[in-house]
Amino acid sequence: MHSADSDEDNGKALPLSKLVEELTRALGRKLTAYIAGVKDVRALDR
């Protein structure tokens, strides 16, 4: 049985800007923009 305090049960939400930063670091700007459906990579800076 899982406790209510286990890490699996408590998802952590990231601010969108932090999520984009982490994805960009891991995947690169072009792939992150593609996944987000953004045509211009510069839009990631906004």
PDB file of N, CA and C in Angstrom:
ATOM      1  N   MET A   1       0.846  -1.184   0.000  1.00  0.00           N
ATOM      2  CA  MET A   1       0.000   0.000   0.000  1.00  0.00           C
ATOM      3  C   MET A   1       0.888   1.242   0.000  1.00  0.00           C
ATOM      4  N   HIS A   2       0.513   2.219  -0.782  1.00  0.00           N
ATOM      5  CA  HIS A   2       1.288   3.458  -0.877  1.00  0.00           C
ATOM      6  C   HIS A   2       0.804   4.462   0.152  1.00  0.00           C
ATOM      7  N   SER A   3       1.744   5.141   0.753  1.00  0.00           N
ATOM      8  CA  SER A   3       1.365   6.209   1.671  1.00  0.00           C
ATOM      9  C   SER A   3       1.082   7.483   0.877  1.00  0.00           C
ATOM     10  N   ALA A   4       0.321   8.361   1.442  1.00  0.00           N
ATOM     11  CA  ALA A   4      -0.032   9.610   0.763  1.00  0.00           C
ATOM     12  C   ALA A   4       1.172  10.520   0.605  1.00  0.00           C
ATOM     13  N   ASP A   5       2.233  10.264   1.366  1.00  0.00           N
ATOM     14  CA  ASP A   5       3.411  11.116   1.322  1.00  0.00           C
ATOM     15  C   ASP A   5       4.521  10.582   0.432  1.00  0.00           C
ATOM     16  N   SER A   6       4.298   9.490  -0.283  1.00  0.00           N
ATOM     17  CA  SER A   6       5.365   8.942  -1.122  1.00  0.00           C
ATOM     18  C   SER A   6       5.645   9.869  -2.298  1.00  0.00           C
ATOM     19  N   ASP A   7       6.871   9.825  -2.823  1.00  0.00           N
ATOM     20  CA  ASP A   7       7.267  10.679  -3.941  1.00  0.00           C
ATOM     21  C   ASP A   7       6.428  10.412  -5.181  1.00  0.00           C
ATOM     22  N   GLU A   8       5.992   9.181  -5.368  1.00  0.00           N
ATOM     23  CA  GLU A   8       5.181   8.841  -6.538  1.00  0.00           C
ATOM     24  C   GLU A   8       3.836   9.551  -6.512  1.00  0.00           C
ATOM     25  N   ASP A   9       3.296   9.746  -5.343  1.00  0.00           N
ATOM     26  CA  ASP A   9       1.976  10.344  -5.211  1.00  0.00           C
ATOM     27  C   ASP A   9       2.002  11.863  -5.221  1.00  0.00           C
ATOM     28  N   ASN A  10       3.150  12.456  -4.963  1.00  0.00           N
ATOM     29  CA  ASN A  10       3.254  13.913  -4.875  1.00  0.00           C
ATOM     30  C   ASN A  10       4.020  14.445  -6.075  1.00  0.00           C
ATOM     31  N   GLY A  11       3.314  14.675  -7.168  1.00  0.00           N
ATOM     32  CA  GLY A  11       3.961  15.241  -8.344  1.00  0.00           C
ATOM     33  C   GLY A  11       4.389  16.664  -8.067  1.00  0.00           C
ATOM     34  N   LYS A  12       5.507  17.047  -8.593  1.00  0.00           N
ATOM     35  CA  LYS A  12       6.011  18.404  -8.391  1.00  0.00           C
ATOM     36  C   LYS A  12       5.791  19.180  -9.676  1.00  0.00           C
ATOM     37  N   ALA A  13       5.180  20.315  -9.589  1.00  0.00           N
ATOM     38  CA  ALA A  13       4.938  21.164 -10.748  1.00  0.00           C
ATOM     39  C   ALA A  13       6.092  22.142 -10.910  1.00  0.00           C
ATOM     40  N   LEU A  14       6.546  22.305 -12.138  1.00  0.00           N
ATOM     41  CA  LEU A  14       7.591  23.273 -12.453  1.00  0.00           C
ATOM     42  C   LEU A  14       6.961  24.481 -13.115  1.00  0.00           C
ATOM     43  N   PRO A  15       7.467  25.666 -12.850  1.00  0.00           N
ATOM     44  CA  PRO A  15       7.017  26.819 -13.632  1.00  0.00           C
ATOM     45  C   PRO A  15       7.368  26.575 -15.102  1.00  0.00           C
ATOM     46  N   LEU A  16       6.569  27.083 -15.991  1.00  0.00           N
ATOM     47  CA  LEU A  16       6.774  26.854 -17.419  1.00  0.00           C
ATOM     48  C   LEU A  16       8.162  27.277 -17.868  1.00  0.00           C
ATOM     49  N   SER A  17       8.640  28.399 -17.386  1.00  0.00           N
ATOM     50  CA  SER A  17       9.965  28.867 -17.797  1.00  0.00           C
ATOM     51  C   SER A  17      11.058  27.890 -17.376  1.00  0.00           C
ATOM     52  N   LYS A  18      10.921  27.297 -16.200  1.00  0.00           N
ATOM     53  CA  LYS A  18      11.905  26.314 -15.715  1.00  0.00           C
ATOM     54  C   LYS A  18      11.818  25.034 -16.540  1.00  0.00           C
ATOM     55  N   LEU A  19      10.607  24.619 -16.892  1.00  0.00           N
ATOM     56  CA  LEU A  19      10.424  23.438 -17.725  1.00  0.00           C
ATOM     57  C   LEU A  19      11.085  23.620 -19.081  1.00  0.00           C
ATOM     58  N   VAL A  20      10.857  24.771 -19.709  1.00  0.00           N
ATOM     59  CA  VAL A  20      11.469  25.060 -21.002  1.00  0.00           C
ATOM     60  C   VAL A  20      12.991  25.080 -20.881  1.00  0.00           C
ATOM     61  N   GLU A  21      13.490  25.661 -19.817  1.00  0.00           N
ATOM     62  CA  GLU A  21      14.941  25.709 -19.590  1.00  0.00           C
ATOM     63  C   GLU A  21      15.528  24.298 -19.479  1.00  0.00           C
ATOM     64  N   GLU A  22      14.875  23.439 -18.716  1.00  0.00           N
ATOM     65  CA  GLU A  22      15.364  22.070 -18.535  1.00  0.00           C
ATOM     66  C   GLU A  22      15.275  21.271 -19.832  1.00  0.00           C
ATOM     67  N   LEU A  23      14.172  21.408 -20.561  1.00  0.00           N
ATOM     68  CA  LEU A  23      14.035  20.705 -21.845  1.00  0.00           C
ATOM     69  C   LEU A  23      15.077  21.183 -22.841  1.00  0.00           C
ATOM     70  N   THR A  24      15.299  22.490 -22.887  1.00  0.00           N
ATOM     71  CA  THR A  24      16.286  23.048 -23.805  1.00  0.00           C
ATOM     72  C   THR A  24      17.677  22.523 -23.485  1.00  0.00           C
ATOM     73  N   ARG A  25      17.977  22.422 -22.218  1.00  0.00           N
ATOM     74  CA  ARG A  25      19.285  21.908 -21.800  1.00  0.00           C
ATOM     75  C   ARG A  25      19.443  20.443 -22.211  1.00  0.00           C
ATOM     76  N   ALA A  26      18.385  19.660 -22.053  1.00  0.00           N
ATOM     77  CA  ALA A  26      18.463  18.226 -22.328  1.00  0.00           C
ATOM     78  C   ALA A  26      18.329  17.897 -23.816  1.00  0.00           C
ATOM     79  N   LEU A  27      17.464  18.624 -24.515  1.00  0.00           N
ATOM     80  CA  LEU A  27      17.124  18.252 -25.889  1.00  0.00           C
ATOM     81  C   LEU A  27      17.648  19.200 -26.951  1.00  0.00           C
ATOM     82  N   GLY A  28      17.994  20.404 -26.544  1.00  0.00           N
ATOM     83  CA  GLY A  28      18.404  21.418 -27.509  1.00  0.00           C
ATOM     84  C   GLY A  28      17.239  22.322 -27.875  1.00  0.00           C
ATOM     85  N   ARG A  29      17.571  23.494 -28.389  1.00  0.00           N
ATOM     86  CA  ARG A  29      16.544  24.502 -28.692  1.00  0.00           C
ATOM     87  C   ARG A  29      15.617  24.088 -29.828  1.00  0.00           C
ATOM     88  N   LYS A  30      16.162  23.503 -30.877  1.00  0.00           N
ATOM     89  CA  LYS A  30      15.331  23.147 -32.029  1.00  0.00           C
ATOM     90  C   LYS A  30      14.295  22.084 -31.679  1.00  0.00           C
ATOM     91  N   LEU A  31      14.718  21.035 -30.985  1.00  0.00           N
ATOM     92  CA  LEU A  31      13.790  19.964 -30.627  1.00  0.00           C
ATOM     93  C   LEU A  31      12.756  20.442 -29.617  1.00  0.00           C
ATOM     94  N   THR A  32      13.169  21.266 -28.667  1.00  0.00           N
ATOM     95  CA  THR A  32      12.216  21.817 -27.708  1.00  0.00           C
ATOM     96  C   THR A  32      11.167  22.671 -28.415  1.00  0.00           C
ATOM     97  N   ALA A  33      11.596  23.493 -29.352  1.00  0.00           N
ATOM     98  CA  ALA A  33      10.655  24.319 -30.114  1.00  0.00           C
ATOM     99  C   ALA A  33       9.706  23.442 -30.924  1.00  0.00           C
ATOM    100  N   TYR A  34      10.225  22.394 -31.526  1.00  0.00           N
ATOM    101  CA  TYR A  34       9.390  21.478 -32.312  1.00  0.00           C
ATOM    102  C   TYR A  34       8.324  20.826 -31.430  1.00  0.00           C
ATOM    103  N   ILE A  35       8.727  20.328 -30.276  1.00  0.00           N
ATOM    104  CA  ILE A  35       7.793  19.681 -29.352  1.00  0.00           C
ATOM    105  C   ILE A  35       6.707  20.659 -28.907  1.00  0.00           C
ATOM    106  N   ALA A  36       7.106  21.914 -28.691  1.00  0.00           N
ATOM    107  CA  ALA A  36       6.155  22.940 -28.253  1.00  0.00           C
ATOM    108  C   ALA A  36       5.281  23.451 -29.389  1.00  0.00           C
ATOM    109  N   GLY A  37       5.609  23.057 -30.623  1.00  0.00           N
ATOM    110  CA  GLY A  37       4.822  23.519 -31.763  1.00  0.00           C
ATOM    111  C   GLY A  37       5.145  24.943 -32.161  1.00  0.00           C
ATOM    112  N   VAL A  38       6.356  25.376 -31.845  1.00  0.00           N
ATOM    113  CA  VAL A  38       6.782  26.742 -32.136  1.00  0.00           C
ATOM    114  C   VAL A  38       7.652  26.723 -33.385  1.00  0.00           C
ATOM    115  N   LYS A  39       7.354  27.608 -34.330  1.00  0.00           N
ATOM    116  CA  LYS A  39       8.119  27.643 -35.574  1.00  0.00           C
ATOM    117  C   LYS A  39       9.421  28.416 -35.442  1.00  0.00           C
ATOM    118  N   ASP A  40       9.418  29.411 -34.577  1.00  0.00           N
ATOM    119  CA  ASP A  40      10.600  30.251 -34.401  1.00  0.00           C
ATOM    120  C   ASP A  40      11.262  29.920 -33.065  1.00  0.00           C
ATOM    121  N   VAL A  41      12.493  29.441 -33.110  1.00  0.00           N
ATOM    122  CA  VAL A  41      13.221  29.037 -31.903  1.00  0.00           C
ATOM    123  C   VAL A  41      13.339  30.209 -30.926  1.00  0.00           C
ATOM    124  N   ARG A  42      13.381  31.419 -31.434  1.00  0.00           N
ATOM    125  CA  ARG A  42      13.492  32.588 -30.554  1.00  0.00           C
ATOM    126  C   ARG A  42      12.302  32.741 -29.631  1.00  0.00           C
ATOM    127  N   ALA A  43      11.185  32.111 -29.959  1.00  0.00           N
ATOM    128  CA  ALA A  43       9.991  32.189 -29.109  1.00  0.00           C
ATOM    129  C   ALA A  43      10.239  31.523 -27.746  1.00  0.00           C
ATOM    130  N   LEU A  44      11.224  30.647 -27.667  1.00  0.00           N
ATOM    131  CA  LEU A  44      11.539  30.002 -26.388  1.00  0.00           C
ATOM    132  C   LEU A  44      12.075  30.995 -25.372  1.00  0.00           C
ATOM    133  N   ASP A  45      12.598  32.102 -25.850  1.00  0.00           N
ATOM    134  CA  ASP A  45      13.160  33.120 -24.961  1.00  0.00           C
ATOM    135  C   ASP A  45      12.098  33.990 -24.326  1.00  0.00           C
ATOM    136  N   ARG A  46      10.872  33.888 -24.769  1.00  0.00           N
ATOM    137  CA  ARG A  46       9.788  34.750 -24.278  1.00  0.00           C
ATOM    138  C   ARG A  46       9.133  34.199 -23.060  1.00  0.00           C
TER     139      ARG A  46
END
